[in-house]
Amino acid sequence: MALFSVDSKEAVVSRTIRDEPPTHFELRIKSFSLLLESSLERYDSGNFEAGGYKWKLCLYPKGNKDVNGEEGHISLYLEILETDSLSPGWEVHALFRFFVLDQRRDKYLTLQDANGKARRFRASKTQSGFDRLISLNEFNDPTNGYVVKDTCVFGAEVFVQKESVAGKGECLLITAGPVSCNHTWKIKKFSELVGESHFSEVFTASGHKWRVNVWPKGNAEEKGKNLSLFLELNDSTTLPPGRGVYVEAQLRVVDQVNGKHMERKLQKWFNNSTNVWGWGSFLFLDSLRDQSEGFLVKDVCIIEAHLLIIGAIEKQGQKSE
């Protein structure tokens, strides 16, 4: 016969007795009284495997104060581990049971959701369990046999019922450190450049090819007013559909005299439809030509591209297992 108790507003706990030990994991704690007296609020067990996934138990011997703010109960949770390798939007539905050994009768108090419904684990909620698994008064009562010679035993069984990837999503992977690449473009005889637009040499950063595009006299409505400067993903046509590259970068025109460089930062996704980003009004032409400002020295202009962070994004289709 099953007994029921209220764990929280969302869960009713079914309590049954059985002879068989837990199938997947058992946690034995010695000197339980010292654990209660210590400042340790939470204990994480070692890892164990069930249903093709790695798990651990998270035990709050004096109760999880962050959840219900009440002492007097033991809180116990199941947490899924090693989820980095799972697809974006992953969900694992698992039915689990917790156990407390009655050492005097050699039987297990078994606790689980009364409705038998599986709990859902996902990236935003990797942990689930019971805020009030059992009261400390009941647990420490010697007639119940849960604590004998200051030793107690907890256990867990986990049965995965369903695995899925919900809808469509994206996978973002940062593939470089905080400084990915520095590229310097030294343009000689700048005032003699022929043509409206000029490109730097192609350079490679994080496996992709890039180049800087300068318009010495400005492009579009900025023509005759500002120098225009852009960063271009040179191999964007090789990206598969739905794939993009994220960049945080600085473009800079170097002040060769005073060290007061003109620079701007960009944060942008580059893909096969948007492969260029920058500023039409990067630097006033009057400032560029003013010798005292140091942007043009002996008819040499120095442009730097500083790629700070590079990541890749790949859209994931719907998947269900």
Protein backbone atom coordinates (compact mmCIF):
# COMPACT_ATOMS: atom_id res chain seq x y z
CA MET A 1 0.00 0.00 0.00
CA ALA A 2 1.35 3.38 -0.98
CA LEU A 3 1.37 6.38 1.29
CA PHE A 4 1.39 9.96 -0.01
CA SER A 5 2.87 13.19 1.27
CA VAL A 6 3.02 16.70 -0.14
CA ASP A 7 6.53 17.76 -1.18
CA SER A 8 5.64 21.14 -2.69
CA LYS A 9 2.84 22.83 -4.56
CA GLU A 10 3.88 20.93 -7.69
CA ALA A 11 4.62 17.44 -6.44
CA VAL A 12 3.00 14.75 -4.33
CA VAL A 13 5.40 12.07 -3.16
CA SER A 14 4.46 8.41 -3.18
CA ARG A 15 6.05 6.40 -0.34
CA THR A 16 6.23 2.61 -0.60
CA ILE A 17 8.31 -0.13 1.02
CA ARG A 18 10.27 -2.75 -0.88
CA ASP A 19 12.95 -5.37 -0.27
CA GLU A 20 15.11 -4.86 -3.38
CA PRO A 21 18.00 -2.37 -3.23
CA PRO A 22 18.17 0.49 -5.77
CA THR A 23 19.30 -0.63 -9.20
CA HIS A 24 21.56 2.26 -10.18
CA PHE A 25 23.19 4.00 -7.24
CA GLU A 26 23.60 3.84 -3.48
CA LEU A 27 25.06 6.55 -1.25
CA ARG A 28 26.22 5.58 2.25
CA ILE A 29 26.95 8.34 4.76
CA LYS A 30 28.83 7.72 7.99
CA SER A 31 28.78 10.17 10.92
CA PHE A 32 25.54 11.72 9.73
CA SER A 33 25.26 13.77 12.94
CA LEU A 34 28.59 15.44 12.21
CA LEU A 35 27.36 16.26 8.71
CA LEU A 36 24.34 18.02 10.24
CA GLU A 37 26.57 19.97 12.60
CA SER A 38 29.01 21.02 9.88
CA SER A 39 28.74 24.11 7.70
CA LEU A 40 28.31 21.93 4.59
CA GLU A 41 24.88 22.71 3.15
CA ARG A 42 25.05 20.49 0.08
CA TYR A 43 26.80 17.24 -0.80
CA ASP A 44 27.17 16.04 -4.41
CA SER A 45 27.65 12.34 -4.93
CA GLY A 46 29.93 10.71 -7.44
CA ASN A 47 28.71 10.14 -10.98
CA PHE A 48 26.71 7.11 -12.04
CA GLU A 49 25.22 5.98 -15.35
CA ALA A 50 21.60 5.13 -16.09
CA GLY A 51 19.66 5.09 -19.35
CA GLY A 52 22.74 6.08 -21.35
CA TYR A 53 23.32 9.30 -19.38
CA LYS A 54 25.51 10.36 -16.45
CA TRP A 55 23.85 11.52 -13.23
CA LYS A 56 24.61 12.48 -9.66
CA LEU A 57 22.68 13.02 -6.43
CA CYS A 58 22.61 16.41 -4.72
CA LEU A 59 21.84 16.06 -1.02
CA TYR A 60 20.93 18.89 1.33
CA PRO A 61 21.04 17.23 4.79
CA LYS A 62 19.48 20.29 6.49
CA GLY A 63 17.15 21.22 3.61
CA ASN A 64 17.56 23.41 0.57
CA LYS A 65 17.06 26.87 2.05
CA ASP A 66 17.21 28.52 -1.37
CA VAL A 67 14.00 26.78 -2.41
CA ASN A 68 11.61 26.72 0.52
CA GLY A 69 13.49 28.68 3.17
CA GLU A 70 12.60 26.06 5.75
CA GLU A 71 14.77 23.77 7.79
CA GLY A 72 13.70 20.47 9.23
CA HIS A 73 13.64 18.43 6.02
CA ILE A 74 16.18 16.61 3.88
CA SER A 75 16.21 17.78 0.25
CA LEU A 76 17.39 15.41 -2.47
CA TYR A 77 17.79 16.03 -6.21
CA LEU A 78 18.89 14.19 -9.32
CA GLU A 79 21.14 16.10 -11.74
CA ILE A 80 22.01 15.16 -15.32
CA LEU A 81 25.68 15.56 -16.27
CA GLU A 82 27.92 15.85 -19.35
CA THR A 83 25.27 17.67 -21.40
CA ASP A 84 27.74 19.67 -23.52
CA SER A 85 27.77 16.94 -26.15
CA LEU A 86 23.97 16.91 -26.51
CA SER A 87 22.25 18.73 -29.38
CA PRO A 88 20.80 22.21 -28.83
CA GLY A 89 17.24 22.02 -27.56
CA TRP A 90 17.81 18.61 -25.95
CA GLU A 91 15.32 17.20 -23.49
CA VAL A 92 15.50 14.02 -21.42
CA HIS A 93 12.35 12.73 -19.73
CA ALA A 94 13.19 10.43 -16.84
CA LEU A 95 11.21 8.63 -14.16
CA PHE A 96 13.29 8.35 -11.00
CA ARG A 97 12.92 6.99 -7.50
CA PHE A 98 14.84 7.79 -4.34
CA PHE A 99 15.47 5.31 -1.55
CA VAL A 100 16.16 5.43 2.17
CA LEU A 101 17.30 2.20 3.80
CA ASP A 102 15.54 1.02 6.95
CA GLN A 103 18.56 -0.77 8.40
CA ARG A 104 16.65 -2.43 11.23
CA ARG A 105 14.14 -4.17 8.97
CA ASP A 106 16.42 -4.37 5.90
CA LYS A 107 13.81 -2.72 3.73
CA TYR A 108 13.85 0.40 1.54
CA LEU A 109 11.54 3.35 1.82
CA THR A 110 10.90 4.25 -1.83
CA LEU A 111 9.92 7.80 -2.78
CA GLN A 112 8.77 9.03 -6.20
CA ASP A 113 6.18 11.25 -7.88
CA ALA A 114 2.74 9.96 -6.97
CA ASN A 115 1.37 10.51 -10.47
CA GLY A 116 4.13 8.42 -12.04
CA LYS A 117 4.92 11.18 -14.51
CA ALA A 118 8.48 11.52 -15.76
CA ARG A 119 10.39 14.70 -14.95
CA ARG A 120 11.84 16.76 -17.80
CA PHE A 121 15.55 17.63 -17.82
CA ARG A 122 16.86 20.28 -20.22
CA ALA A 123 19.64 22.87 -20.53
CA SER A 124 17.81 25.39 -18.34
CA LYS A 125 16.83 22.76 -15.75
CA THR A 126 19.39 20.02 -15.28
CA GLN A 127 18.24 19.18 -11.75
CA SER A 128 14.99 17.81 -10.35
CA GLY A 129 13.90 16.20 -7.13
CA PHE A 130 12.16 16.78 -3.82
CA ASP A 131 12.56 19.83 -1.58
CA ARG A 132 11.13 17.88 1.35
CA LEU A 133 12.12 14.28 0.83
CA ILE A 134 11.70 13.37 4.49
CA SER A 135 11.55 15.32 7.74
CA LEU A 136 14.60 15.23 9.97
CA ASN A 137 12.44 14.20 12.90
CA GLU A 138 11.20 11.14 11.04
CA PHE A 139 14.65 10.44 9.62
CA ASN A 140 16.41 10.57 13.00
CA ASP A 141 13.72 8.62 14.86
CA PRO A 142 15.57 5.44 15.94
CA THR A 143 12.43 3.32 15.59
CA ASN A 144 12.43 3.93 11.83
CA GLY A 145 15.94 2.54 11.35
CA TYR A 146 17.09 5.17 8.86
CA VAL A 147 20.07 6.17 10.99
CA VAL A 148 21.87 3.35 12.77
CA LYS A 149 25.23 3.84 14.47
CA ASP A 150 25.21 7.32 12.88
CA THR A 151 25.15 5.79 9.39
CA CYS A 152 22.45 6.18 6.74
CA VAL A 153 21.96 4.99 3.16
CA PHE A 154 20.25 6.74 0.24
CA GLY A 155 19.72 5.34 -3.25
CA ALA A 156 18.39 6.14 -6.72
CA GLU A 157 16.93 4.49 -9.80
CA VAL A 158 16.60 6.38 -13.08
CA PHE A 159 14.62 5.22 -16.11
CA VAL A 160 14.82 7.35 -19.26
CA GLN A 161 11.50 7.33 -21.06
CA LYS A 162 12.05 9.84 -23.85
CA GLU A 163 14.85 11.78 -25.53
CA SER A 164 14.21 14.63 -27.93
CA VAL A 165 15.40 17.86 -29.48
CA ALA A 166 12.66 20.47 -29.34
CA GLY A 167 12.02 22.37 -32.56
CA LYS A 168 14.76 24.25 -34.32
CA GLY A 169 17.69 25.92 -32.66
CA GLU A 170 21.21 27.17 -33.02
CA CYS A 171 24.54 25.89 -31.83
CA LEU A 172 27.04 28.61 -30.94
CA LEU A 173 30.68 27.61 -30.59
CA ILE A 174 33.33 30.11 -29.61
CA THR A 175 36.38 28.80 -31.41
CA ALA A 176 39.06 31.26 -30.40
CA GLY A 177 40.45 33.02 -27.37
CA PRO A 178 40.02 36.67 -26.47
CA VAL A 179 42.54 37.70 -29.16
CA SER A 180 42.06 35.83 -32.38
CA CYS A 181 44.06 37.76 -34.96
CA ASN A 182 45.81 41.08 -35.62
CA HIS A 183 46.29 42.26 -39.18
CA THR A 184 48.19 45.41 -40.16
CA TRP A 185 47.76 47.01 -43.58
CA LYS A 186 50.37 49.64 -44.43
CA ILE A 187 49.25 51.63 -47.47
CA LYS A 188 52.01 53.61 -49.18
CA LYS A 189 51.39 56.51 -51.59
CA PHE A 190 47.91 56.74 -50.15
CA SER A 191 47.05 60.01 -51.94
CA GLU A 192 47.94 58.42 -55.28
CA LEU A 193 45.51 55.50 -55.00
CA VAL A 194 43.48 55.03 -58.16
CA GLY A 195 39.92 53.82 -57.88
CA GLU A 196 37.22 54.31 -55.28
CA SER A 197 37.70 51.11 -53.29
CA HIS A 198 40.77 49.09 -52.25
CA PHE A 199 41.28 45.76 -50.43
CA SER A 200 43.97 44.54 -48.10
CA GLU A 201 45.68 41.21 -48.51
CA VAL A 202 43.52 38.28 -47.45
CA PHE A 203 44.36 37.00 -43.96
CA THR A 204 43.14 33.97 -42.03
CA ALA A 205 41.54 33.94 -38.60
CA SER A 206 39.89 30.93 -36.97
CA GLY A 207 39.86 29.01 -40.23
CA HIS A 208 38.16 31.75 -42.25
CA LYS A 209 39.54 34.25 -44.74
CA TRP A 210 39.10 37.98 -44.19
CA ARG A 211 40.13 41.27 -45.75
CA VAL A 212 39.74 44.98 -45.05
CA ASN A 213 38.03 47.29 -47.54
CA VAL A 214 38.85 51.02 -47.57
CA TRP A 215 37.28 53.82 -49.58
CA PRO A 216 39.90 56.64 -49.36
CA LYS A 217 37.42 59.33 -50.38
CA GLY A 218 34.29 57.74 -48.94
CA ASN A 219 31.49 55.67 -50.41
CA ALA A 220 27.90 56.53 -51.26
CA GLU A 221 26.64 59.58 -49.37
CA GLU A 222 29.92 59.88 -47.45
CA LYS A 223 31.90 60.50 -50.64
CA GLY A 224 34.10 63.57 -50.28
CA LYS A 225 33.40 63.80 -46.52
CA ASN A 226 34.68 60.69 -44.78
CA LEU A 227 37.02 57.76 -45.22
CA SER A 228 34.93 54.56 -45.27
CA LEU A 229 36.21 51.31 -43.74
CA PHE A 230 34.78 47.78 -43.71
CA LEU A 231 35.63 44.23 -42.66
CA GLU A 232 34.75 41.50 -45.14
CA LEU A 233 34.40 37.73 -44.76
CA ASN A 234 36.17 36.75 -47.96
CA ASP A 235 35.10 33.09 -48.09
CA SER A 236 31.42 33.56 -47.16
CA THR A 237 30.27 31.69 -50.28
CA THR A 238 31.80 28.49 -48.87
CA LEU A 239 29.56 28.57 -45.77
CA PRO A 240 26.77 25.97 -45.77
CA PRO A 241 23.17 27.23 -45.59
CA GLY A 242 22.27 28.34 -42.07
CA ARG A 243 25.90 28.71 -41.07
CA GLY A 244 27.44 31.95 -39.84
CA VAL A 245 30.52 33.36 -38.17
CA TYR A 246 30.36 35.74 -35.22
CA VAL A 247 33.04 38.41 -34.82
CA GLU A 248 33.86 41.04 -32.26
CA ALA A 249 36.51 43.23 -33.82
CA GLN A 250 38.20 46.60 -33.87
CA LEU A 251 39.04 48.49 -37.04
CA ARG A 252 41.62 51.21 -36.55
CA VAL A 253 43.35 53.99 -38.49
CA VAL A 254 46.66 54.46 -36.70
CA ASP A 255 47.77 57.86 -35.42
CA GLN A 256 51.49 57.58 -36.19
CA VAL A 257 52.39 60.78 -34.34
CA ASN A 258 50.31 61.13 -31.19
CA GLY A 259 49.10 57.58 -30.63
CA LYS A 260 45.47 58.77 -30.56
CA HIS A 261 44.16 56.19 -32.98
CA MET A 262 40.75 56.38 -34.59
CA GLU A 263 39.09 53.06 -33.90
CA ARG A 264 35.64 51.54 -33.77
CA LYS A 265 34.31 48.23 -32.56
CA LEU A 266 31.86 45.94 -34.27
CA GLN A 267 29.90 42.90 -33.14
CA LYS A 268 28.38 41.12 -36.07
CA TRP A 269 27.26 37.82 -37.56
CA PHE A 270 28.79 37.27 -40.99
CA ASN A 271 27.21 34.78 -43.38
CA ASN A 272 26.75 34.19 -47.10
CA SER A 273 24.12 36.94 -47.33
CA THR A 274 25.81 39.49 -45.03
CA ASN A 275 29.56 39.24 -45.52
CA VAL A 276 30.60 42.91 -45.11
CA TRP A 277 30.23 45.23 -42.15
CA GLY A 278 31.74 48.56 -41.21
CA TRP A 279 31.28 52.33 -41.39
CA GLY A 280 30.77 54.75 -44.25
CA SER A 281 31.74 57.63 -41.97
CA PHE A 282 34.78 56.16 -40.24
CA LEU A 283 37.12 59.19 -40.28
CA PHE A 284 36.66 62.78 -41.48
CA LEU A 285 38.77 63.42 -44.58
CA ASP A 286 39.82 66.76 -43.07
CA SER A 287 41.28 64.89 -40.07
CA LEU A 288 42.93 62.35 -42.35
CA ARG A 289 44.70 65.07 -44.33
CA ASP A 290 45.70 67.13 -41.28
CA GLN A 291 49.40 66.31 -40.80
CA SER A 292 49.24 67.19 -37.11
CA GLU A 293 46.71 64.40 -36.46
CA GLY A 294 49.17 61.72 -37.59
CA PHE A 295 46.86 59.58 -39.70
CA LEU A 296 48.82 60.24 -42.87
CA VAL A 297 52.62 60.47 -42.50
CA LYS A 298 54.86 60.65 -45.55
CA ASP A 299 51.79 59.64 -47.54
CA VAL A 300 51.54 56.36 -45.57
CA CYS A 301 48.27 55.29 -43.93
CA ILE A 302 48.24 52.34 -41.51
CA ILE A 303 45.03 50.40 -40.97
CA GLU A 304 44.69 47.62 -38.40
CA ALA A 305 42.06 44.93 -37.99
CA HIS A 306 41.95 43.39 -34.53
CA LEU A 307 39.64 40.35 -34.35
CA LEU A 308 38.80 39.79 -30.71
CA ILE A 309 36.42 36.82 -30.60
CA ILE A 310 35.33 34.50 -33.35
CA GLY A 311 32.53 32.00 -33.08
CA ALA A 312 30.54 29.80 -35.41
CA ILE A 313 26.82 29.20 -35.54
CA GLU A 314 25.00 26.31 -37.14
CA LYS A 315 21.25 25.98 -37.23
CA GLN A 316 19.90 22.64 -36.04
CA GLY A 317 16.90 21.00 -37.60
CA GLN A 318 14.17 19.29 -35.64
CA LYS A 319 15.14 15.94 -34.31
CA SER A 320 13.42 13.37 -32.16
CA GLU A 321 14.62 10.09 -30.83
